[in-house]
Amino acid sequence: MAGTDTRAIEREIDRIRSLSLEDLRREWRRLCHSEPPRISRDLLVLALGYRLQEIEHDGLGKATRRKLQTMAKALQATGRVGATPSLSLKPGARLVREWGGGRTHTVTVTEEGFEYGGTIYPSLTRIARKITGAHWSGPRFFGLPAAGAERPNKGARDG
């Protein structure tokens, strides 16, 4: 970020490194507004350094928060902690689909979701519904491989 003073953060992290365990716990309460976790001094220093940067940079990005929320919902529903394989689209990627009498529809992946026709949508499925007027799996509509599906190995031979 343009307004970020990285030297100030580095000085603050150096200050934190010099604190006693009890002072680190007080610092945790001040920055995190909660009781400190029962972890080693070294981990507490790292966690506080992360927290300082999180405060300075306004926390996690929208895409990361969205992914964490999805993982939390999956954990509640299935009891599984591990992330499920998913297709990772980077901001700036473009998806193109021809539909409705040869009309070309272009979607751009953004940090906030997916941009189509000047509007940001939270999912490809909503865009597919807007284009077709019917329920479609958005990733399938745009020809993306299913999450966790193996991709063909180009040049590989059968048998």
Protein backbone atom coordinates (compact mmCIF):
# COMPACT_ATOMS: atom_id res chain seq x y z
CA MET A 1 0.00 0.00 0.00
CA ALA A 2 1.22 3.46 -0.87
CA GLY A 3 0.64 4.95 2.60
CA THR A 4 2.30 2.12 4.49
CA ASP A 5 5.47 2.99 6.41
CA THR A 6 7.26 -0.36 6.39
CA ARG A 7 10.14 1.01 8.46
CA ALA A 8 7.72 1.95 11.24
CA ILE A 9 6.30 -1.58 11.22
CA GLU A 10 9.81 -3.04 11.29
CA ARG A 11 10.72 -0.82 14.28
CA GLU A 12 7.57 -1.91 16.10
CA ILE A 13 8.34 -5.59 15.43
CA ASP A 14 11.90 -5.06 16.73
CA ARG A 15 10.40 -3.51 19.87
CA ILE A 16 8.09 -6.50 20.29
CA ARG A 17 11.03 -8.92 19.93
CA SER A 18 12.68 -7.29 22.94
CA LEU A 19 9.68 -7.72 25.27
CA SER A 20 9.41 -10.25 28.09
CA LEU A 21 6.79 -12.99 27.87
CA GLU A 22 4.49 -11.13 30.26
CA ASP A 23 4.88 -7.90 28.26
CA LEU A 24 4.13 -9.84 25.05
CA ARG A 25 0.90 -11.08 26.63
CA ARG A 26 -0.05 -7.51 27.56
CA GLU A 27 0.72 -6.41 24.00
CA TRP A 28 -1.51 -9.22 22.70
CA ARG A 29 -4.40 -8.03 24.86
CA ARG A 30 -3.88 -4.46 23.59
CA LEU A 31 -3.72 -5.38 19.89
CA CYS A 32 -6.08 -8.35 19.76
CA HIS A 33 -8.59 -7.51 22.50
CA SER A 34 -8.50 -11.08 23.77
CA GLU A 35 -6.53 -13.36 26.03
CA PRO A 36 -3.24 -14.49 24.47
CA PRO A 37 -3.01 -18.08 23.27
CA ARG A 38 -0.83 -20.51 25.23
CA ILE A 39 2.02 -20.67 22.74
CA SER A 40 5.77 -20.25 22.91
CA ARG A 41 7.34 -16.81 23.17
CA ASP A 42 8.70 -17.10 19.61
CA LEU A 43 5.27 -17.88 18.18
CA LEU A 44 3.74 -15.03 20.17
CA VAL A 45 6.29 -12.62 18.66
CA LEU A 46 5.44 -13.90 15.15
CA ALA A 47 1.70 -13.66 15.79
CA LEU A 48 2.01 -10.10 17.08
CA GLY A 49 4.13 -9.14 14.07
CA TYR A 50 1.42 -10.55 11.81
CA ARG A 51 -1.27 -8.67 13.75
CA LEU A 52 0.61 -5.37 13.36
CA GLN A 53 0.80 -5.88 9.60
CA GLU A 54 -2.84 -6.95 9.48
CA ILE A 55 -3.85 -3.71 11.22
CA GLU A 56 -1.67 -1.59 8.91
CA HIS A 57 -2.91 -3.26 5.72
CA ASP A 58 -6.60 -3.48 6.66
CA GLY A 59 -6.63 -7.26 7.09
CA LEU A 60 -7.17 -9.97 4.53
CA GLY A 61 -8.33 -9.34 0.98
CA LYS A 62 -11.93 -10.02 -0.02
CA ALA A 63 -11.07 -13.13 -2.02
CA THR A 64 -9.18 -14.66 0.92
CA ARG A 65 -11.99 -13.84 3.35
CA ARG A 66 -14.50 -15.39 0.94
CA LYS A 67 -12.42 -18.57 0.66
CA LEU A 68 -12.07 -18.82 4.45
CA GLN A 69 -15.84 -18.36 4.87
CA THR A 70 -16.44 -21.14 2.35
CA MET A 71 -14.02 -23.40 4.21
CA ALA A 72 -15.74 -22.60 7.54
CA LYS A 73 -19.14 -23.50 6.08
CA ALA A 74 -17.72 -26.77 4.72
CA LEU A 75 -16.27 -27.56 8.15
CA GLN A 76 -19.64 -26.96 9.80
CA ALA A 77 -21.44 -29.08 7.22
CA THR A 78 -19.01 -32.00 6.87
CA GLY A 79 -16.77 -31.83 9.93
CA ARG A 80 -13.72 -31.90 7.65
CA VAL A 81 -10.95 -29.40 8.27
CA GLY A 82 -8.98 -29.73 5.03
CA ALA A 83 -9.66 -27.47 2.12
CA THR A 84 -11.32 -29.13 -0.83
CA PRO A 85 -9.55 -28.88 -4.16
CA SER A 86 -10.81 -25.92 -6.09
CA LEU A 87 -10.13 -24.10 -9.26
CA SER A 88 -8.02 -21.04 -8.60
CA LEU A 89 -8.68 -18.10 -10.90
CA LYS A 90 -6.41 -15.10 -10.51
CA PRO A 91 -7.67 -11.53 -10.75
CA GLY A 92 -7.39 -10.32 -14.32
CA ALA A 93 -8.20 -13.71 -15.87
CA ARG A 94 -10.89 -13.57 -18.54
CA LEU A 95 -13.50 -16.19 -19.28
CA VAL A 96 -15.20 -16.11 -22.67
CA ARG A 97 -18.34 -17.95 -23.73
CA GLU A 98 -20.37 -17.70 -26.91
CA TRP A 99 -24.10 -17.95 -26.28
CA GLY A 100 -27.41 -16.79 -27.68
CA GLY A 101 -27.01 -16.60 -31.43
CA GLY A 102 -23.25 -16.23 -31.45
CA ARG A 103 -22.99 -13.39 -28.94
CA THR A 104 -19.69 -13.41 -27.04
CA HIS A 105 -19.85 -12.96 -23.27
CA THR A 106 -16.65 -12.00 -21.40
CA VAL A 107 -16.18 -12.21 -17.63
CA THR A 108 -13.15 -10.78 -15.82
CA VAL A 109 -12.02 -12.22 -12.51
CA THR A 110 -11.54 -9.48 -9.87
CA GLU A 111 -10.54 -9.39 -6.19
CA GLU A 112 -14.22 -8.82 -5.35
CA GLY A 113 -15.68 -11.57 -7.55
CA PHE A 114 -16.49 -11.56 -11.27
CA GLU A 115 -17.15 -8.55 -13.50
CA TYR A 116 -19.65 -8.92 -16.32
CA GLY A 117 -21.33 -6.08 -18.19
CA GLY A 118 -20.00 -3.47 -15.78
CA THR A 119 -21.39 -5.23 -12.69
CA ILE A 120 -19.53 -7.28 -10.06
CA TYR A 121 -21.11 -10.66 -9.26
CA PRO A 122 -20.17 -12.93 -6.36
CA SER A 123 -20.32 -16.09 -8.47
CA LEU A 124 -20.10 -17.37 -12.02
CA THR A 125 -23.42 -19.14 -11.49
CA ARG A 126 -25.25 -15.83 -11.16
CA ILE A 127 -23.68 -14.62 -14.39
CA ALA A 128 -24.62 -17.84 -16.21
CA ARG A 129 -28.21 -17.41 -14.99
CA LYS A 130 -28.25 -13.79 -16.22
CA ILE A 131 -26.97 -14.82 -19.65
CA THR A 132 -29.19 -17.88 -20.15
CA GLY A 133 -32.23 -17.16 -18.00
CA ALA A 134 -31.89 -20.66 -16.53
CA HIS A 135 -29.96 -22.28 -13.69
CA TRP A 136 -26.48 -23.39 -14.76
CA SER A 137 -23.34 -24.29 -12.88
CA GLY A 138 -21.29 -21.18 -13.59
CA PRO A 139 -17.93 -22.98 -13.85
CA ARG A 140 -19.48 -25.59 -16.15
CA PHE A 141 -21.15 -22.91 -18.29
CA PHE A 142 -17.77 -21.24 -18.81
CA GLY A 143 -16.06 -24.58 -19.54
CA LEU A 144 -13.92 -24.76 -16.42
CA PRO A 145 -12.79 -28.17 -15.18
CA ALA A 146 -14.53 -29.55 -12.10
CA ALA A 147 -12.68 -28.95 -8.83
CA GLY A 148 -10.20 -31.73 -8.24
CA ALA A 149 -10.65 -33.15 -11.75
CA GLU A 150 -7.53 -34.38 -13.45
CA ARG A 151 -6.47 -32.41 -16.44
CA PRO A 152 -5.49 -34.29 -19.56
CA ASN A 153 -1.75 -34.71 -19.98
CA LYS A 154 -0.97 -33.23 -23.39
CA GLY A 155 1.21 -35.48 -25.43
CA ALA A 156 0.51 -38.54 -23.31
CA ARG A 157 -0.28 -41.74 -25.12
CA ASP A 158 -2.84 -44.35 -24.21
CA GLY A 159 -1.51 -47.79 -23.40
